Amino acid sequence: MSLFAFLSADDLLPVMVFAGCVAAVFWLLSSISTRNSQAEERLERIGRPKSLVEIEMSQDQGRGRFAGLKDAFSNLGGVMNASEGEKNSLKIQMANAGFRSDGAAAVYQGIRVVCLAAFLLPALFFFLLKDGFTMKSIQWTVILGGMGFYLPQMALYHLRTTRQKEIFLTLPDALDLLVVCVESGLGLDAALRKVTEEMKGHAKVICEEFSLANLQLQMGRPRREVLHDLGVRTGVDDVRSLAAILIQADRFGSSIAQALRVQSDSMRVRRRQRAEEKAAKTAVQLIFPLVLFIFPAIFVVLVGPAAIQIQRNLLSKGGG
């Protein structure tokens, strides 16, 4: 217990916050670096059939050294009981972030349990054992436990929003190229394949989604289900509306090229309206930086010399 004599709560809090941030960044970078594109792997498998030995070797290499860690997280995720609706919602959120594996939700729940334990147990050890059940120690324990519980959720939200933003920014170019391909005589499957080939260098995320949708079409799934799953996986409103337009065109037998042209025009209108809305909000959003940072500096520059002159005059009169 001599260690606690030299450590205070103010000294331990920065260390614990730093350790939590390092752990979160390490988990985020490792998950991003080890995540492979399932669509590209399946397309490669269809293009060049592998032998049984190659398939077994690729599976062994794919498991890697993190396979045991993944299984451990999955087992821990089973501790958190959730309803079917919550599981389905979590699976959709994981798919929006790019994790389409069946065990992604269980791994995520296991990571939440580990983060909660990593933040809560040291807080219990340092604060409660040192200071006892005081209001301050209980407050810091609850705060650190909440940070550990919601840190994976914030990381998942960041991954989702980043991926959806990338899809939103690259969708107009992909849709324009898709319109050109369909109007030139290509079918929807061939047009999706052509868009994937042309834009895979600078629009990796949306090309990955189009590749997976094209692969599902080649495997014999109905087009309605494939397009509906495409809108659900991305979680972007424009992609969902595009999928709805294509489903209606396929159901009623209308021209897909005309439907894509109408969707492209409406998407341009919506993007212009969103840009105008953001431009209109700029004046209101600039009020707080102006009041907090710019106006005080201008006030000091303009009023400062006058205040100094007034002070000198008052001092001279007082001395006289």
C-alpha atoms as a PDB file:
ATOM      1  CA  MET A   1       0.000   0.000   0.000  1.00  0.00           C
ATOM      2  CA  SER A   2       3.024   2.307  -0.050  1.00  0.00           C
ATOM      3  CA  LEU A   3       2.353   2.906  -3.751  1.00  0.00           C
ATOM      4  CA  PHE A   4      -0.926   4.651  -3.004  1.00  0.00           C
ATOM      5  CA  ALA A   5       0.864   7.131  -0.730  1.00  0.00           C
ATOM      6  CA  PHE A   6       2.633   8.626  -3.741  1.00  0.00           C
ATOM      7  CA  LEU A   7      -0.220   8.439  -6.258  1.00  0.00           C
ATOM      8  CA  SER A   8      -3.267  10.660  -6.189  1.00  0.00           C
ATOM      9  CA  ALA A   9      -6.424  10.635  -8.258  1.00  0.00           C
ATOM     10  CA  ASP A  10      -5.240  13.660 -10.226  1.00  0.00           C
ATOM     11  CA  ASP A  11      -2.006  11.823 -11.115  1.00  0.00           C
ATOM     12  CA  LEU A  12      -3.698   8.572 -12.122  1.00  0.00           C
ATOM     13  CA  LEU A  13      -6.455  10.044 -14.284  1.00  0.00           C
ATOM     14  CA  PRO A  14      -4.208  11.269 -17.157  1.00  0.00           C
ATOM     15  CA  VAL A  15      -2.359   7.939 -17.178  1.00  0.00           C
ATOM     16  CA  MET A  16      -5.559   5.932 -17.360  1.00  0.00           C
ATOM     17  CA  VAL A  17      -7.042   8.186 -20.064  1.00  0.00           C
ATOM     18  CA  PHE A  18      -3.819   7.890 -22.077  1.00  0.00           C
ATOM     19  CA  ALA A  19      -3.809   4.090 -21.710  1.00  0.00           C
ATOM     20  CA  GLY A  20      -7.433   3.928 -22.823  1.00  0.00           C
ATOM     21  CA  CYS A  21      -6.765   6.112 -25.864  1.00  0.00           C
ATOM     22  CA  VAL A  22      -3.745   4.006 -26.824  1.00  0.00           C
ATOM     23  CA  ALA A  23      -5.781   0.808 -26.515  1.00  0.00           C
ATOM     24  CA  ALA A  24      -8.611   2.270 -28.605  1.00  0.00           C
ATOM     25  CA  VAL A  25      -6.249   3.461 -31.347  1.00  0.00           C
ATOM     26  CA  PHE A  26      -4.462   0.104 -31.399  1.00  0.00           C
ATOM     27  CA  TRP A  27      -7.755  -1.749 -31.726  1.00  0.00           C
ATOM     28  CA  LEU A  28      -8.955   0.602 -34.452  1.00  0.00           C
ATOM     29  CA  LEU A  29      -5.766   0.343 -36.508  1.00  0.00           C
ATOM     30  CA  SER A  30      -5.546  -3.427 -36.127  1.00  0.00           C
ATOM     31  CA  SER A  31      -9.186  -3.881 -37.174  1.00  0.00           C
ATOM     32  CA  ILE A  32      -8.696  -1.687 -40.223  1.00  0.00           C
ATOM     33  CA  SER A  33      -5.399  -3.274 -41.261  1.00  0.00           C
ATOM     34  CA  THR A  34      -6.598  -6.862 -40.912  1.00  0.00           C
ATOM     35  CA  ARG A  35      -9.961  -6.347 -42.596  1.00  0.00           C
ATOM     36  CA  ASN A  36     -10.038  -7.880 -46.077  1.00  0.00           C
ATOM     37  CA  SER A  37     -12.482  -7.328 -48.868  1.00  0.00           C
ATOM     38  CA  GLN A  38     -14.737 -10.361 -49.067  1.00  0.00           C
ATOM     39  CA  ALA A  39     -16.104  -9.244 -52.426  1.00  0.00           C
ATOM     40  CA  GLU A  40     -12.652  -9.168 -54.025  1.00  0.00           C
ATOM     41  CA  GLU A  41     -11.780 -12.571 -52.599  1.00  0.00           C
ATOM     42  CA  ARG A  42     -14.974 -14.119 -53.955  1.00  0.00           C
ATOM     43  CA  LEU A  43     -14.510 -12.514 -57.362  1.00  0.00           C
ATOM     44  CA  GLU A  44     -10.972 -13.846 -57.505  1.00  0.00           C
ATOM     45  CA  ARG A  45     -12.186 -17.288 -56.475  1.00  0.00           C
ATOM     46  CA  ILE A  46     -14.786 -17.271 -59.263  1.00  0.00           C
ATOM     47  CA  GLY A  47     -12.324 -15.988 -61.857  1.00  0.00           C
ATOM     48  CA  ARG A  48      -9.679 -18.594 -61.046  1.00  0.00           C
ATOM     49  CA  PRO A  49     -10.958 -21.708 -59.254  1.00  0.00           C
ATOM     50  CA  LYS A  50      -8.570 -22.884 -56.570  1.00  0.00           C
ATOM     51  CA  SER A  51      -7.630 -26.379 -55.661  1.00  0.00           C
ATOM     52  CA  LEU A  52      -8.482 -27.873 -52.301  1.00  0.00           C
ATOM     53  CA  VAL A  53      -4.926 -27.411 -51.033  1.00  0.00           C
ATOM     54  CA  GLU A  54      -4.904 -23.719 -51.975  1.00  0.00           C
ATOM     55  CA  ILE A  55      -8.255 -23.154 -50.283  1.00  0.00           C
ATOM     56  CA  GLU A  56      -7.058 -24.806 -47.074  1.00  0.00           C
ATOM     57  CA  MET A  57      -3.815 -22.814 -47.139  1.00  0.00           C
ATOM     58  CA  SER A  58      -5.663 -19.532 -47.694  1.00  0.00           C
ATOM     59  CA  GLN A  59      -8.037 -20.293 -44.836  1.00  0.00           C
ATOM     60  CA  ASP A  60      -5.139 -21.058 -42.515  1.00  0.00           C
ATOM     61  CA  GLN A  61      -3.374 -17.855 -43.525  1.00  0.00           C
ATOM     62  CA  GLY A  62      -6.585 -15.842 -43.165  1.00  0.00           C
ATOM     63  CA  ARG A  63      -7.100 -16.912 -39.584  1.00  0.00           C
ATOM     64  CA  GLY A  64      -3.700 -15.569 -38.560  1.00  0.00           C
ATOM     65  CA  ARG A  65      -2.520 -14.948 -35.075  1.00  0.00           C
ATOM     66  CA  PHE A  66      -5.640 -12.967 -34.117  1.00  0.00           C
ATOM     67  CA  ALA A  67      -7.993 -15.910 -34.609  1.00  0.00           C
ATOM     68  CA  GLY A  68      -7.820 -16.926 -30.962  1.00  0.00           C
ATOM     69  CA  LEU A  69      -8.377 -13.329 -29.884  1.00  0.00           C
ATOM     70  CA  LYS A  70     -11.405 -13.085 -32.155  1.00  0.00           C
ATOM     71  CA  ASP A  71     -12.882 -16.271 -30.679  1.00  0.00           C
ATOM     72  CA  ALA A  72     -12.276 -14.948 -27.172  1.00  0.00           C
ATOM     73  CA  PHE A  73     -14.080 -11.710 -27.955  1.00  0.00           C
ATOM     74  CA  SER A  74     -16.950 -13.685 -29.472  1.00  0.00           C
ATOM     75  CA  ASN A  75     -17.278 -15.767 -26.310  1.00  0.00           C
ATOM     76  CA  LEU A  76     -17.244 -12.650 -24.160  1.00  0.00           C
ATOM     77  CA  GLY A  77     -19.898 -11.105 -26.379  1.00  0.00           C
ATOM     78  CA  GLY A  78     -22.276 -13.890 -25.403  1.00  0.00           C
ATOM     79  CA  VAL A  79     -22.320 -12.512 -21.861  1.00  0.00           C
ATOM     80  CA  MET A  80     -24.332  -9.474 -22.989  1.00  0.00           C
ATOM     81  CA  ASN A  81     -27.806 -10.829 -23.666  1.00  0.00           C
ATOM     82  CA  ALA A  82     -29.755  -8.876 -26.271  1.00  0.00           C
ATOM     83  CA  SER A  83     -33.055  -9.282 -28.038  1.00  0.00           C
ATOM     84  CA  GLU A  84     -33.356 -10.218 -31.684  1.00  0.00           C
ATOM     85  CA  GLY A  85     -34.236  -6.666 -32.637  1.00  0.00           C
ATOM     86  CA  GLU A  86     -31.110  -5.311 -30.933  1.00  0.00           C
ATOM     87  CA  LYS A  87     -28.960  -7.987 -32.588  1.00  0.00           C
ATOM     88  CA  ASN A  88     -30.362  -7.167 -36.018  1.00  0.00           C
ATOM     89  CA  SER A  89     -29.840  -3.450 -35.431  1.00  0.00           C
ATOM     90  CA  LEU A  90     -26.260  -4.091 -34.327  1.00  0.00           C
ATOM     91  CA  LYS A  91     -25.609  -6.264 -37.377  1.00  0.00           C
ATOM     92  CA  ILE A  92     -26.855  -3.457 -39.624  1.00  0.00           C
ATOM     93  CA  GLN A  93     -24.598  -0.964 -37.853  1.00  0.00           C
ATOM     94  CA  MET A  94     -21.624  -3.294 -38.227  1.00  0.00           C
ATOM     95  CA  ALA A  95     -22.433  -3.744 -41.917  1.00  0.00           C
ATOM     96  CA  ASN A  96     -22.617   0.042 -42.322  1.00  0.00           C
ATOM     97  CA  ALA A  97     -19.119   0.212 -40.841  1.00  0.00           C
ATOM     98  CA  GLY A  98     -17.841  -2.434 -43.266  1.00  0.00           C
ATOM     99  CA  PHE A  99     -17.906  -5.526 -41.004  1.00  0.00           C
ATOM    100  CA  ARG A 100     -20.201  -8.015 -42.721  1.00  0.00           C
ATOM    101  CA  SER A 101     -19.100 -11.177 -40.936  1.00  0.00           C
ATOM    102  CA  ASP A 102     -21.679 -13.194 -39.018  1.00  0.00           C
ATOM    103  CA  GLY A 103     -19.585 -13.015 -35.852  1.00  0.00           C
ATOM    104  CA  ALA A 104     -18.853  -9.272 -36.066  1.00  0.00           C
ATOM    105  CA  ALA A 105     -21.643  -8.373 -33.636  1.00  0.00           C
ATOM    106  CA  ALA A 106     -20.436 -10.899 -31.053  1.00  0.00           C
ATOM    107  CA  VAL A 107     -16.851  -9.663 -31.386  1.00  0.00           C
ATOM    108  CA  TYR A 108     -18.046  -6.091 -30.922  1.00  0.00           C
ATOM    109  CA  GLN A 109     -19.959  -7.003 -27.772  1.00  0.00           C
ATOM    110  CA  GLY A 110     -16.885  -8.804 -26.463  1.00  0.00           C
ATOM    111  CA  ILE A 111     -14.765  -5.714 -27.110  1.00  0.00           C
ATOM    112  CA  ARG A 112     -17.267  -3.638 -25.142  1.00  0.00           C
ATOM    113  CA  VAL A 113     -16.975  -6.036 -22.202  1.00  0.00           C
ATOM    114  CA  VAL A 114     -13.166  -5.929 -22.339  1.00  0.00           C
ATOM    115  CA  CYS A 115     -13.108  -2.114 -22.525  1.00  0.00           C
ATOM    116  CA  LEU A 116     -15.532  -1.875 -19.614  1.00  0.00           C
ATOM    117  CA  ALA A 117     -13.349  -4.164 -17.519  1.00  0.00           C
ATOM    118  CA  ALA A 118     -10.158  -2.352 -18.595  1.00  0.00           C
ATOM    119  CA  PHE A 119     -11.534   0.985 -17.366  1.00  0.00           C
ATOM    120  CA  LEU A 120     -13.673  -0.133 -14.430  1.00  0.00           C
ATOM    121  CA  LEU A 121     -11.331  -2.534 -12.626  1.00  0.00           C
ATOM    122  CA  PRO A 122      -8.376  -0.103 -12.318  1.00  0.00           C
ATOM    123  CA  ALA A 123     -10.822   2.580 -11.174  1.00  0.00           C
ATOM    124  CA  LEU A 124     -12.153   0.277  -8.473  1.00  0.00           C
ATOM    125  CA  PHE A 125      -8.615  -0.682  -7.486  1.00  0.00           C
ATOM    126  CA  PHE A 126      -7.132   2.795  -7.286  1.00  0.00           C
ATOM    127  CA  PHE A 127     -10.009   4.994  -6.173  1.00  0.00           C
ATOM    128  CA  LEU A 128     -12.155   2.802  -3.936  1.00  0.00           C
ATOM    129  CA  LEU A 129      -9.291   1.012  -2.214  1.00  0.00           C
ATOM    130  CA  LYS A 130      -7.377   4.222  -1.649  1.00  0.00           C
ATOM    131  CA  ASP A 131     -10.090   6.751  -0.791  1.00  0.00           C
ATOM    132  CA  GLY A 132     -12.882   4.398   0.253  1.00  0.00           C
ATOM    133  CA  PHE A 133     -16.547   4.772  -0.651  1.00  0.00           C
ATOM    134  CA  THR A 134     -16.523   8.517  -0.901  1.00  0.00           C
ATOM    135  CA  MET A 135     -18.562  10.568  -3.325  1.00  0.00           C
ATOM    136  CA  LYS A 136     -15.447  11.547  -5.279  1.00  0.00           C
ATOM    137  CA  SER A 137     -14.204   7.968  -5.700  1.00  0.00           C
ATOM    138  CA  ILE A 138     -17.639   6.701  -6.735  1.00  0.00           C
ATOM    139  CA  GLN A 139     -17.978   9.586  -9.181  1.00  0.00           C
ATOM    140  CA  TRP A 140     -14.632   8.868 -10.883  1.00  0.00           C
ATOM    141  CA  THR A 141     -15.394   5.139 -10.969  1.00  0.00           C
ATOM    142  CA  VAL A 142     -18.716   5.743 -12.700  1.00  0.00           C
ATOM    143  CA  ILE A 143     -17.122   8.187 -15.169  1.00  0.00           C
ATOM    144  CA  LEU A 144     -14.298   5.815 -16.137  1.00  0.00           C
ATOM    145  CA  GLY A 145     -16.687   2.863 -16.356  1.00  0.00           C
ATOM    146  CA  GLY A 146     -18.946   4.859 -18.683  1.00  0.00           C
ATOM    147  CA  MET A 147     -15.947   5.831 -20.813  1.00  0.00           C
ATOM    148  CA  GLY A 148     -14.926   2.198 -21.161  1.00  0.00           C
ATOM    149  CA  PHE A 149     -18.454   1.112 -22.006  1.00  0.00           C
ATOM    150  CA  TYR A 150     -19.138   3.770 -24.646  1.00  0.00           C
ATOM    151  CA  LEU A 151     -15.663   3.972 -26.207  1.00  0.00           C
ATOM    152  CA  PRO A 152     -16.269   1.069 -28.680  1.00  0.00           C
ATOM    153  CA  GLN A 153     -19.644   2.593 -29.556  1.00  0.00           C
ATOM    154  CA  MET A 154     -18.000   5.924 -30.398  1.00  0.00           C
ATOM    155  CA  ALA A 155     -15.363   4.133 -32.486  1.00  0.00           C
ATOM    156  CA  LEU A 156     -18.086   2.242 -34.360  1.00  0.00           C
ATOM    157  CA  TYR A 157     -19.978   5.496 -34.954  1.00  0.00           C
ATOM    158  CA  HIS A 158     -16.818   7.095 -36.341  1.00  0.00           C
ATOM    159  CA  LEU A 159     -16.216   4.177 -38.713  1.00  0.00           C
ATOM    160  CA  ARG A 160     -19.842   4.239 -39.871  1.00  0.00           C
ATOM    161  CA  THR A 161     -19.947   7.963 -40.530  1.00  0.00           C
ATOM    162  CA  THR A 162     -16.570   7.946 -42.305  1.00  0.00           C
ATOM    163  CA  ARG A 163     -17.596   5.103 -44.584  1.00  0.00           C
ATOM    164  CA  GLN A 164     -21.027   6.578 -45.321  1.00  0.00           C
ATOM    165  CA  LYS A 165     -19.472   9.958 -46.079  1.00  0.00           C
ATOM    166  CA  GLU A 166     -17.082   8.359 -48.553  1.00  0.00           C
ATOM    167  CA  ILE A 167     -19.974   6.568 -50.249  1.00  0.00           C
ATOM    168  CA  PHE A 168     -21.991   9.782 -50.367  1.00  0.00           C
ATOM    169  CA  LEU A 169     -19.134  11.716 -51.973  1.00  0.00           C
ATOM    170  CA  THR A 170     -18.311   9.084 -54.608  1.00  0.00           C
ATOM    171  CA  LEU A 171     -21.873   8.035 -55.477  1.00  0.00           C
ATOM    172  CA  PRO A 172     -22.602  10.846 -58.024  1.00  0.00           C
ATOM    173  CA  ASP A 173     -19.584   9.918 -60.166  1.00  0.00           C
ATOM    174  CA  ALA A 174     -20.493   6.245 -59.966  1.00  0.00           C
ATOM    175  CA  LEU A 175     -24.100   6.970 -60.875  1.00  0.00           C
ATOM    176  CA  ASP A 176     -23.090   9.117 -63.856  1.00  0.00           C
ATOM    177  CA  LEU A 177     -20.821   6.359 -65.139  1.00  0.00           C
ATOM    178  CA  LEU A 178     -23.583   3.816 -64.532  1.00  0.00           C
ATOM    179  CA  VAL A 179     -26.001   5.931 -66.579  1.00  0.00           C
ATOM    180  CA  VAL A 180     -23.502   6.140 -69.437  1.00  0.00           C
ATOM    181  CA  CYS A 181     -22.905   2.378 -69.380  1.00  0.00           C
ATOM    182  CA  VAL A 182     -26.617   1.492 -69.321  1.00  0.00           C
ATOM    183  CA  GLU A 183     -27.494   3.985 -72.050  1.00  0.00           C
ATOM    184  CA  SER A 184     -24.714   2.595 -74.235  1.00  0.00           C
ATOM    185  CA  GLY A 185     -26.400  -0.820 -74.223  1.00  0.00           C
ATOM    186  CA  LEU A 186     -24.907  -2.669 -71.260  1.00  0.00           C
ATOM    187  CA  GLY A 187     -27.062  -4.529 -68.793  1.00  0.00           C
ATOM    188  CA  LEU A 188     -27.167  -3.679 -65.110  1.00  0.00           C
ATOM    189  CA  ASP A 189     -24.763  -6.489 -64.174  1.00  0.00           C
ATOM    190  CA  ALA A 190     -22.228  -5.488 -66.817  1.00  0.00           C
ATOM    191  CA  ALA A 191     -22.649  -1.813 -65.938  1.00  0.00           C
ATOM    192  CA  LEU A 192     -21.929  -2.489 -62.271  1.00  0.00           C
ATOM    193  CA  ARG A 193     -18.852  -4.502 -63.258  1.00  0.00           C
ATOM    194  CA  LYS A 194     -17.655  -1.684 -65.514  1.00  0.00           C
ATOM    195  CA  VAL A 195     -18.139   0.934 -62.790  1.00  0.00           C
ATOM    196  CA  THR A 196     -16.173  -1.245 -60.382  1.00  0.00           C
ATOM    197  CA  GLU A 197     -13.299  -1.624 -62.819  1.00  0.00           C
ATOM    198  CA  GLU A 198     -13.118   2.085 -63.648  1.00  0.00           C
ATOM    199  CA  MET A 199     -13.494   3.524 -60.137  1.00  0.00           C
ATOM    200  CA  LYS A 200     -11.767   0.995 -57.905  1.00  0.00           C
ATOM    201  CA  GLY A 201      -8.716   3.236 -57.598  1.00  0.00           C
ATOM    202  CA  HIS A 202     -10.375   6.279 -55.977  1.00  0.00           C
ATOM    203  CA  ALA A 203     -13.765   4.932 -54.816  1.00  0.00           C
ATOM    204  CA  LYS A 204     -12.867   1.720 -53.056  1.00  0.00           C
ATOM    205  CA  VAL A 205     -15.832   1.517 -50.687  1.00  0.00           C
ATOM    206  CA  ILE A 206     -18.640   1.946 -53.193  1.00  0.00           C
ATOM    207  CA  CYS A 207     -16.843  -0.314 -55.695  1.00  0.00           C
ATOM    208  CA  GLU A 208     -16.645  -2.953 -52.993  1.00  0.00           C
ATOM    209  CA  GLU A 209     -20.389  -2.716 -52.434  1.00  0.00           C
ATOM    210  CA  PHE A 210     -21.116  -2.850 -56.165  1.00  0.00           C
ATOM    211  CA  SER A 211     -18.800  -5.853 -56.533  1.00  0.00           C
ATOM    212  CA  LEU A 212     -20.595  -7.693 -53.753  1.00  0.00           C
ATOM    213  CA  ALA A 213     -23.977  -6.870 -55.290  1.00  0.00           C
ATOM    214  CA  ASN A 214     -22.781  -8.045 -58.704  1.00  0.00           C
ATOM    215  CA  LEU A 215     -21.454 -11.235 -57.166  1.00  0.00           C
ATOM    216  CA  GLN A 216     -24.800 -11.929 -55.509  1.00  0.00           C
ATOM    217  CA  LEU A 217     -26.539 -11.391 -58.852  1.00  0.00           C
ATOM    218  CA  GLN A 218     -24.188 -13.859 -60.516  1.00  0.00           C
ATOM    219  CA  MET A 219     -24.877 -16.409 -57.791  1.00  0.00           C
ATOM    220  CA  GLY A 220     -28.586 -16.334 -58.670  1.00  0.00           C
ATOM    221  CA  ARG A 221     -30.137 -14.152 -55.980  1.00  0.00           C
ATOM    222  CA  PRO A 222     -33.164 -12.105 -57.058  1.00  0.00           C
ATOM    223  CA  ARG A 223     -32.357  -8.581 -58.118  1.00  0.00           C
ATOM    224  CA  ARG A 224     -34.851  -7.100 -55.672  1.00  0.00           C
ATOM    225  CA  GLU A 225     -33.158  -8.735 -52.696  1.00  0.00           C
ATOM    226  CA  VAL A 226     -29.684  -7.767 -53.901  1.00  0.00           C
ATOM    227  CA  LEU A 227     -30.633  -4.124 -54.380  1.00  0.00           C
ATOM    228  CA  HIS A 228     -32.467  -4.006 -51.054  1.00  0.00           C
ATOM    229  CA  ASP A 229     -29.443  -5.484 -49.264  1.00  0.00           C
ATOM    230  CA  LEU A 230     -27.222  -2.931 -51.013  1.00  0.00           C
ATOM    231  CA  GLY A 231     -29.243  -0.066 -49.552  1.00  0.00           C
ATOM    232  CA  VAL A 232     -29.322  -1.630 -46.076  1.00  0.00           C
ATOM    233  CA  ARG A 233     -25.584  -2.435 -46.026  1.00  0.00           C
ATOM    234  CA  THR A 234     -24.491   1.064 -46.911  1.00  0.00           C
ATOM    235  CA  GLY A 235     -26.975   2.940 -44.747  1.00  0.00           C
ATOM    236  CA  VAL A 236     -26.878   5.945 -47.111  1.00  0.00           C
ATOM    237  CA  ASP A 237     -30.197   7.518 -48.067  1.00  0.00           C
ATOM    238  CA  ASP A 238     -29.140   8.136 -51.680  1.00  0.00           C
ATOM    239  CA  VAL A 239     -28.161   4.494 -52.152  1.00  0.00           C
ATOM    240  CA  ARG A 240     -31.455   3.344 -50.642  1.00  0.00           C
ATOM    241  CA  SER A 241     -33.405   5.615 -52.982  1.00  0.00           C
ATOM    242  CA  LEU A 242     -31.337   4.344 -55.916  1.00  0.00           C
ATOM    243  CA  ALA A 243     -32.117   0.771 -54.918  1.00  0.00           C
ATOM    244  CA  ALA A 244     -35.822   1.590 -54.621  1.00  0.00           C
ATOM    245  CA  ILE A 245     -35.841   3.167 -58.098  1.00  0.00           C
ATOM    246  CA  LEU A 246     -34.136   0.145 -59.642  1.00  0.00           C
ATOM    247  CA  ILE A 247     -36.497  -2.255 -57.857  1.00  0.00           C
ATOM    248  CA  GLN A 248     -39.520  -0.391 -59.181  1.00  0.00           C
ATOM    249  CA  ALA A 249     -38.067  -0.310 -62.690  1.00  0.00           C
ATOM    250  CA  ASP A 250     -37.431  -4.050 -62.532  1.00  0.00           C
ATOM    251  CA  ARG A 251     -40.895  -4.778 -61.147  1.00  0.00           C
ATOM    252  CA  PHE A 252     -42.870  -2.720 -63.677  1.00  0.00           C
ATOM    253  CA  GLY A 253     -40.592  -3.416 -66.623  1.00  0.00           C
ATOM    254  CA  SER A 254     -39.705   0.208 -67.318  1.00  0.00           C
ATOM    255  CA  SER A 255     -36.405   1.432 -68.715  1.00  0.00           C
ATOM    256  CA  ILE A 256     -33.530   1.166 -66.237  1.00  0.00           C
ATOM    257  CA  ALA A 257     -31.581   3.838 -68.150  1.00  0.00           C
ATOM    258  CA  GLN A 258     -34.446   6.321 -67.788  1.00  0.00           C
ATOM    259  CA  ALA A 259     -34.811   5.491 -64.103  1.00  0.00           C
ATOM    260  CA  LEU A 260     -31.095   6.028 -63.545  1.00  0.00           C
ATOM    261  CA  ARG A 261     -31.237   9.311 -65.438  1.00  0.00           C
ATOM    262  CA  VAL A 262     -34.117  10.554 -63.264  1.00  0.00           C
ATOM    263  CA  GLN A 263     -32.298   9.422 -60.108  1.00  0.00           C
ATOM    264  CA  SER A 264     -29.111  11.180 -61.216  1.00  0.00           C
ATOM    265  CA  ASP A 265     -30.971  14.444 -61.831  1.00  0.00           C
ATOM    266  CA  SER A 266     -32.821  14.268 -58.516  1.00  0.00           C
ATOM    267  CA  MET A 267     -29.563  13.477 -56.705  1.00  0.00           C
ATOM    268  CA  ARG A 268     -27.955  16.576 -58.187  1.00  0.00           C
ATOM    269  CA  VAL A 269     -30.906  18.663 -56.996  1.00  0.00           C
ATOM    270  CA  ARG A 270     -30.649  17.209 -53.483  1.00  0.00           C
ATOM    271  CA  ARG A 271     -26.906  17.803 -53.356  1.00  0.00           C
ATOM    272  CA  ARG A 272     -27.387  21.417 -54.428  1.00  0.00           C
ATOM    273  CA  GLN A 273     -30.090  21.884 -51.807  1.00  0.00           C
ATOM    274  CA  ARG A 274     -27.848  20.410 -49.117  1.00  0.00           C
ATOM    275  CA  ALA A 275     -25.018  22.719 -50.173  1.00  0.00           C
ATOM    276  CA  GLU A 276     -27.356  25.715 -50.003  1.00  0.00           C
ATOM    277  CA  GLU A 277     -28.570  24.597 -46.583  1.00  0.00           C
ATOM    278  CA  LYS A 278     -25.013  24.329 -45.268  1.00  0.00           C
ATOM    279  CA  ALA A 279     -24.187  27.737 -46.740  1.00  0.00           C
ATOM    280  CA  ALA A 280     -27.224  29.249 -44.990  1.00  0.00           C
ATOM    281  CA  LYS A 281     -26.136  27.706 -41.665  1.00  0.00           C
ATOM    282  CA  THR A 282     -22.636  29.135 -41.967  1.00  0.00           C
ATOM    283  CA  ALA A 283     -23.641  32.610 -40.754  1.00  0.00           C
ATOM    284  CA  VAL A 284     -25.217  31.177 -37.604  1.00  0.00           C
ATOM    285  CA  GLN A 285     -22.311  28.804 -36.939  1.00  0.00           C
ATOM    286  CA  LEU A 286     -19.784  31.650 -37.225  1.00  0.00           C
ATOM    287  CA  ILE A 287     -21.395  33.578 -34.366  1.00  0.00           C
ATOM    288  CA  PHE A 288     -19.727  31.545 -31.614  1.00  0.00           C
ATOM    289  CA  PRO A 289     -16.147  31.722 -33.003  1.00  0.00           C
ATOM    290  CA  LEU A 290     -16.610  35.434 -33.637  1.00  0.00           C
ATOM    291  CA  VAL A 291     -17.881  36.149 -30.138  1.00  0.00           C
ATOM    292  CA  LEU A 292     -15.397  33.901 -28.338  1.00  0.00           C
ATOM    293  CA  PHE A 293     -12.167  34.441 -30.300  1.00  0.00           C
ATOM    294  CA  ILE A 294     -12.309  37.293 -32.827  1.00  0.00           C
ATOM    295  CA  PHE A 295     -14.334  39.995 -31.059  1.00  0.00           C
ATOM    296  CA  PRO A 296     -12.205  39.927 -27.851  1.00  0.00           C
ATOM    297  CA  ALA A 297      -9.028  40.402 -29.904  1.00  0.00           C
ATOM    298  CA  ILE A 298     -10.578  43.264 -31.902  1.00  0.00           C
ATOM    299  CA  PHE A 299     -11.863  44.814 -28.677  1.00  0.00           C
ATOM    300  CA  VAL A 300      -8.395  44.693 -27.102  1.00  0.00           C
ATOM    301  CA  VAL A 301      -6.760  46.187 -30.204  1.00  0.00           C
ATOM    302  CA  LEU A 302      -9.275  49.021 -30.526  1.00  0.00           C
ATOM    303  CA  VAL A 303     -10.000  49.829 -26.895  1.00  0.00           C
ATOM    304  CA  GLY A 304      -6.604  48.913 -25.406  1.00  0.00           C
ATOM    305  CA  PRO A 305      -4.697  52.088 -26.393  1.00  0.00           C
ATOM    306  CA  ALA A 306      -7.590  54.285 -25.303  1.00  0.00           C
ATOM    307  CA  ALA A 307      -7.774  52.485 -21.945  1.00  0.00           C
ATOM    308  CA  ILE A 308      -4.026  52.935 -21.412  1.00  0.00           C
ATOM    309  CA  GLN A 309      -4.285  56.642 -22.264  1.00  0.00           C
ATOM    310  CA  ILE A 310      -7.214  57.089 -19.867  1.00  0.00           C
ATOM    311  CA  GLN A 311      -5.278  55.313 -17.123  1.00  0.00           C
ATOM    312  CA  ARG A 312      -2.250  57.574 -17.643  1.00  0.00           C
ATOM    313  CA  ASN A 313      -4.417  60.683 -17.534  1.00  0.00           C
ATOM    314  CA  LEU A 314      -6.090  59.584 -14.334  1.00  0.00           C
ATOM    315  CA  LEU A 315      -2.743  58.790 -12.729  1.00  0.00           C
ATOM    316  CA  SER A 316      -1.278  62.133 -13.788  1.00  0.00           C
ATOM    317  CA  LYS A 317      -4.262  64.007 -12.412  1.00  0.00           C
ATOM    318  CA  GLY A 318      -4.124  62.044  -9.224  1.00  0.00           C
ATOM    319  CA  GLY A 319      -0.447  62.736  -8.824  1.00  0.00           C
ATOM    320  CA  GLY A 320      -0.936  66.463  -9.592  1.00  0.00           C
END
